[in-house]
Amino acid sequence: MSTLVGEHPPRHAGNSGPRRIITAADEPEVVYMESAEEGRIITDSAGIFRSRLLFTALQGAARDPQETLQAIRDEMRKIDDE
């Protein structure tokens, strides 16, 4: 599920690009992080911990799912009205 971060959060935790923490029952965790130019795989525990902290901070700054849906609907309405 995706959520939006408000227009003026105090600090935007997600500005380093999208990332995914990948877990499997029989393999160690890894993080896949995208940037404008390339993808990066993080395997060290400190890097994975930082990614988890960033994700938690992003969750704290994000709107709740209902607010996100309403914001998307509002923007779609604006586009339709143009």
C-alpha atoms as a PDB file:
ATOM      1  CA  MET A   1       0.000   0.000   0.000  1.00  0.00           C
ATOM      2  CA  SER A   2       1.235   3.490  -0.800  1.00  0.00           C
ATOM      3  CA  THR A   3       0.693   6.623   1.234  1.00  0.00           C
ATOM      4  CA  LEU A   4       1.496  10.265   0.622  1.00  0.00           C
ATOM      5  CA  VAL A   5       3.715  12.530   2.630  1.00  0.00           C
ATOM      6  CA  GLY A   6       2.303  16.007   3.236  1.00  0.00           C
ATOM      7  CA  GLU A   7       3.501  18.976   1.207  1.00  0.00           C
ATOM      8  CA  HIS A   8       5.706  20.446   3.942  1.00  0.00           C
ATOM      9  CA  PRO A   9       6.907  17.726   6.308  1.00  0.00           C
ATOM     10  CA  PRO A  10       9.667  18.842   8.692  1.00  0.00           C
ATOM     11  CA  ARG A  11      12.085  16.303   7.175  1.00  0.00           C
ATOM     12  CA  HIS A  12      11.294  13.979   4.310  1.00  0.00           C
ATOM     13  CA  ALA A  13      12.629  10.526   5.170  1.00  0.00           C
ATOM     14  CA  GLY A  14      12.027   9.153   1.676  1.00  0.00           C
ATOM     15  CA  ASN A  15      14.129  11.560  -0.361  1.00  0.00           C
ATOM     16  CA  SER A  16      16.900   9.043  -1.009  1.00  0.00           C
ATOM     17  CA  GLY A  17      14.749   7.043  -3.420  1.00  0.00           C
ATOM     18  CA  PRO A  18      12.560   3.989  -3.260  1.00  0.00           C
ATOM     19  CA  ARG A  19      13.787   0.961  -1.389  1.00  0.00           C
ATOM     20  CA  ARG A  20      12.491  -2.467  -0.534  1.00  0.00           C
ATOM     21  CA  ILE A  21      13.533  -4.622   2.384  1.00  0.00           C
ATOM     22  CA  ILE A  22      13.458  -8.208   1.133  1.00  0.00           C
ATOM     23  CA  THR A  23      13.023 -11.005   3.622  1.00  0.00           C
ATOM     24  CA  ALA A  24      12.887 -14.747   3.047  1.00  0.00           C
ATOM     25  CA  ALA A  25      12.543 -17.592   5.511  1.00  0.00           C
ATOM     26  CA  ASP A  26      15.783 -19.272   4.472  1.00  0.00           C
ATOM     27  CA  GLU A  27      17.927 -16.304   3.347  1.00  0.00           C
ATOM     28  CA  PRO A  28      19.395 -13.242   5.089  1.00  0.00           C
ATOM     29  CA  GLU A  29      17.590  -9.916   4.664  1.00  0.00           C
ATOM     30  CA  VAL A  30      18.682  -7.567   1.903  1.00  0.00           C
ATOM     31  CA  VAL A  31      17.652  -4.084   0.862  1.00  0.00           C
ATOM     32  CA  TYR A  32      17.213  -3.077  -2.757  1.00  0.00           C
ATOM     33  CA  MET A  33      17.482   0.678  -3.187  1.00  0.00           C
ATOM     34  CA  GLU A  34      16.868   2.607  -6.400  1.00  0.00           C
ATOM     35  CA  SER A  35      18.311   5.926  -7.451  1.00  0.00           C
ATOM     36  CA  ALA A  36      18.029   8.000 -10.605  1.00  0.00           C
ATOM     37  CA  GLU A  37      20.946   6.170 -12.194  1.00  0.00           C
ATOM     38  CA  GLU A  38      21.198   2.680 -10.731  1.00  0.00           C
ATOM     39  CA  GLY A  39      19.950   0.131  -8.235  1.00  0.00           C
ATOM     40  CA  ARG A  40      21.923  -0.936  -5.193  1.00  0.00           C
ATOM     41  CA  ILE A  41      21.744  -4.033  -3.012  1.00  0.00           C
ATOM     42  CA  ILE A  42      22.557  -3.577   0.670  1.00  0.00           C
ATOM     43  CA  THR A  43      23.465  -6.678   2.656  1.00  0.00           C
ATOM     44  CA  ASP A  44      25.289  -5.395   5.737  1.00  0.00           C
ATOM     45  CA  SER A  45      23.300  -5.299   8.963  1.00  0.00           C
ATOM     46  CA  ALA A  46      24.026  -1.598   9.611  1.00  0.00           C
ATOM     47  CA  GLY A  47      22.686  -0.658   6.160  1.00  0.00           C
ATOM     48  CA  ILE A  48      19.574  -2.774   6.662  1.00  0.00           C
ATOM     49  CA  PHE A  49      19.046  -1.184  10.093  1.00  0.00           C
ATOM     50  CA  ARG A  50      19.332   2.328   8.565  1.00  0.00           C
ATOM     51  CA  SER A  51      16.764   1.373   5.928  1.00  0.00           C
ATOM     52  CA  ARG A  52      14.371   0.192   8.627  1.00  0.00           C
ATOM     53  CA  LEU A  53      14.858   3.473  10.535  1.00  0.00           C
ATOM     54  CA  LEU A  54      14.192   5.500   7.380  1.00  0.00           C
ATOM     55  CA  PHE A  55      11.079   3.478   6.644  1.00  0.00           C
ATOM     56  CA  THR A  56       9.790   4.054  10.177  1.00  0.00           C
ATOM     57  CA  ALA A  57      10.443   7.796   9.846  1.00  0.00           C
ATOM     58  CA  LEU A  58       8.629   7.834   6.497  1.00  0.00           C
ATOM     59  CA  GLN A  59       5.637   6.052   8.041  1.00  0.00           C
ATOM     60  CA  GLY A  60       5.572   8.715  10.753  1.00  0.00           C
ATOM     61  CA  ALA A  61       5.479  11.526   8.179  1.00  0.00           C
ATOM     62  CA  ALA A  62       2.976   9.867   5.828  1.00  0.00           C
ATOM     63  CA  ARG A  63      -0.723  10.574   5.688  1.00  0.00           C
ATOM     64  CA  ASP A  64      -2.996   7.757   6.738  1.00  0.00           C
ATOM     65  CA  PRO A  65      -4.424   5.578   3.932  1.00  0.00           C
ATOM     66  CA  GLN A  66      -7.831   7.314   3.896  1.00  0.00           C
ATOM     67  CA  GLU A  67      -6.217  10.762   3.624  1.00  0.00           C
ATOM     68  CA  THR A  68      -3.999   9.429   0.829  1.00  0.00           C
ATOM     69  CA  LEU A  69      -6.984   8.123  -1.135  1.00  0.00           C
ATOM     70  CA  GLN A  70      -8.851  11.392  -0.676  1.00  0.00           C
ATOM     71  CA  ALA A  71      -5.822  13.427  -1.804  1.00  0.00           C
ATOM     72  CA  ILE A  72      -5.504  11.274  -4.943  1.00  0.00           C
ATOM     73  CA  ARG A  73      -9.234  11.646  -5.676  1.00  0.00           C
ATOM     74  CA  ASP A  74      -8.993  15.424  -5.196  1.00  0.00           C
ATOM     75  CA  GLU A  75      -6.051  15.654  -7.599  1.00  0.00           C
ATOM     76  CA  MET A  76      -7.837  13.477 -10.159  1.00  0.00           C
ATOM     77  CA  ARG A  77     -10.876  15.758  -9.910  1.00  0.00           C
ATOM     78  CA  LYS A  78      -8.648  18.790 -10.566  1.00  0.00           C
ATOM     79  CA  ILE A  79      -7.200  17.096 -13.656  1.00  0.00           C
ATOM     80  CA  ASP A  80     -10.680  16.213 -14.927  1.00  0.00           C
ATOM     81  CA  ASP A  81     -11.815  19.815 -14.424  1.00  0.00           C
ATOM     82  CA  GLU A  82      -8.979  21.239 -16.546  1.00  0.00           C
END
